[in-house]
């Protein structure tokens, strides 16, 4: 009885430890973020003048996935879907733009929303 209890307890302790080790030491994916994302000043972008999603430019699948370098930005990058004009899915709300928290606990927090069918960033 005691032996079964110790084995069960060992397994229950080992699972979270192994999960933690995998999350910490698992390598990040290869960064394929295009160089132009880090060029220029994204603070000058007019988020009220968004591109028309008419399918005339790049499709979302043509643009590689971007990654946050070293888990943080030194300056605000260009939108990864900047040249994408793939239309949104039918019935999807267009939430593209720059959003700022104006009340609550994270007042002043800014997020940029980029989307095209079937991708959001």
Protein backbone atom coordinates (compact mmCIF):
# COMPACT_ATOMS: atom_id res chain seq x y z
CA UNK A 1 0.00 0.00 0.00
CA UNK A 2 2.75 2.45 0.98
CA UNK A 3 4.75 1.52 -2.12
CA UNK A 4 1.78 2.31 -4.42
CA UNK A 5 1.27 5.63 -2.65
CA UNK A 6 4.94 6.58 -3.10
CA UNK A 7 4.88 5.64 -6.80
CA UNK A 8 1.71 7.68 -7.37
CA UNK A 9 3.12 10.64 -5.47
CA UNK A 10 6.40 10.44 -7.44
CA UNK A 11 4.51 10.49 -10.74
CA UNK A 12 2.37 13.42 -9.65
CA UNK A 13 5.47 15.40 -8.67
CA UNK A 14 7.47 14.40 -11.77
CA UNK A 15 4.84 15.45 -14.35
CA UNK A 16 4.85 19.20 -13.55
CA UNK A 17 8.64 19.20 -13.24
CA UNK A 18 9.05 17.55 -16.64
CA UNK A 19 6.51 19.91 -18.20
CA UNK A 20 8.38 22.91 -16.78
CA UNK A 21 11.71 21.62 -18.10
CA UNK A 22 10.28 21.06 -21.58
CA UNK A 23 8.79 24.56 -21.69
CA UNK A 24 12.02 26.21 -20.52
CA UNK A 25 14.48 24.28 -22.64
CA UNK A 26 12.46 23.61 -25.80
CA UNK A 27 14.03 25.67 -28.62
CA UNK A 28 12.12 28.61 -30.08
CA UNK A 29 11.09 28.26 -33.74
CA UNK A 30 13.34 29.69 -36.43
CA UNK A 31 12.66 33.40 -36.80
CA UNK A 32 11.53 34.09 -40.37
CA UNK A 33 10.38 37.64 -39.69
CA UNK A 34 11.05 39.73 -42.83
CA UNK A 35 13.77 42.39 -42.35
CA UNK A 36 11.46 45.22 -43.47
CA UNK A 37 9.36 44.70 -40.31
CA UNK A 38 12.17 46.26 -38.27
CA UNK A 39 12.92 49.10 -40.71
CA UNK A 40 11.45 52.58 -40.52
CA UNK A 41 9.26 54.07 -37.84
CA UNK A 42 5.95 52.29 -37.28
CA UNK A 43 4.82 55.20 -35.10
CA UNK A 44 4.14 57.19 -38.29
CA UNK A 45 1.55 54.71 -39.63
CA UNK A 46 -1.96 56.10 -40.03
CA UNK A 47 -4.14 53.35 -38.56
CA UNK A 48 -7.26 55.16 -39.79
CA UNK A 49 -6.13 54.62 -43.40
CA UNK A 50 -5.90 50.83 -43.57
CA UNK A 51 -5.35 48.95 -46.85
CA UNK A 52 -8.41 47.69 -48.71
CA UNK A 53 -8.70 43.90 -48.38
CA UNK A 54 -9.51 43.21 -52.03
CA UNK A 55 -7.08 40.37 -52.76
CA UNK A 56 -4.89 42.50 -55.06
CA UNK A 57 -1.70 42.06 -53.00
CA UNK A 58 -0.07 39.29 -51.01
CA UNK A 59 -2.11 36.54 -49.41
CA UNK A 60 -1.58 35.75 -45.71
CA UNK A 61 0.07 32.42 -46.57
CA UNK A 62 2.72 34.29 -48.60
CA UNK A 63 3.99 36.15 -45.51
CA UNK A 64 6.16 34.22 -43.03
CA UNK A 65 5.24 34.11 -39.38
CA UNK A 66 6.94 36.79 -37.32
CA UNK A 67 8.37 36.30 -33.86
CA UNK A 68 9.09 38.75 -31.07
CA UNK A 69 12.89 38.93 -30.79
CA UNK A 70 14.22 38.08 -27.35
CA UNK A 71 10.68 38.38 -25.97
CA UNK A 72 10.50 42.15 -26.44
CA UNK A 73 10.74 45.04 -28.89
CA UNK A 74 13.23 47.89 -28.71
CA UNK A 75 10.93 49.90 -31.01
CA UNK A 76 7.45 49.34 -32.42
CA UNK A 77 7.83 47.17 -35.57
CA UNK A 78 6.02 47.51 -38.89
CA UNK A 79 2.83 45.41 -39.20
CA UNK A 80 3.71 41.87 -40.33
CA UNK A 81 0.61 41.82 -42.57
CA UNK A 82 1.36 45.30 -43.99
CA UNK A 83 1.28 44.18 -47.65
CA UNK A 84 -1.48 41.59 -47.26
CA UNK A 85 -4.79 42.39 -48.95
CA UNK A 86 -6.47 39.01 -48.57
CA UNK A 87 -10.15 39.60 -47.67
CA UNK A 88 -11.46 38.68 -44.24
CA UNK A 89 -13.57 35.55 -43.87
CA UNK A 90 -17.24 36.10 -44.61
CA UNK A 91 -18.97 37.50 -41.54
CA UNK A 92 -15.70 38.28 -39.69
CA UNK A 93 -15.54 41.65 -37.96
CA UNK A 94 -12.79 43.98 -39.16
CA UNK A 95 -10.93 44.79 -35.95
CA UNK A 96 -7.71 45.96 -37.59
CA UNK A 97 -6.05 49.01 -36.10
CA UNK A 98 -4.40 50.38 -33.00
CA UNK A 99 -6.31 49.84 -29.77
CA UNK A 100 -5.62 51.61 -26.48
CA UNK A 101 -7.01 50.75 -23.04
CA UNK A 102 -8.80 53.87 -21.78
CA UNK A 103 -10.13 52.60 -18.46
CA UNK A 104 -9.51 49.82 -15.99
CA UNK A 105 -6.37 48.27 -14.60
CA UNK A 106 -4.22 48.47 -17.71
CA UNK A 107 -4.96 52.08 -18.63
CA UNK A 108 -2.76 53.22 -21.53
CA UNK A 109 -1.95 49.68 -22.73
CA UNK A 110 -1.67 49.65 -26.54
CA UNK A 111 -2.24 46.72 -28.88
CA UNK A 112 -2.13 46.57 -32.65
CA UNK A 113 -4.52 44.18 -34.35
CA UNK A 114 -3.73 42.92 -37.85
CA UNK A 115 -5.97 40.47 -39.65
CA UNK A 116 -6.77 38.94 -42.98
CA UNK A 117 -8.40 35.67 -43.77
CA UNK A 118 -7.49 33.32 -42.03
CA UNK A 119 -4.72 35.02 -40.08
CA UNK A 120 -4.53 37.49 -37.19
CA UNK A 121 -1.51 39.08 -35.53
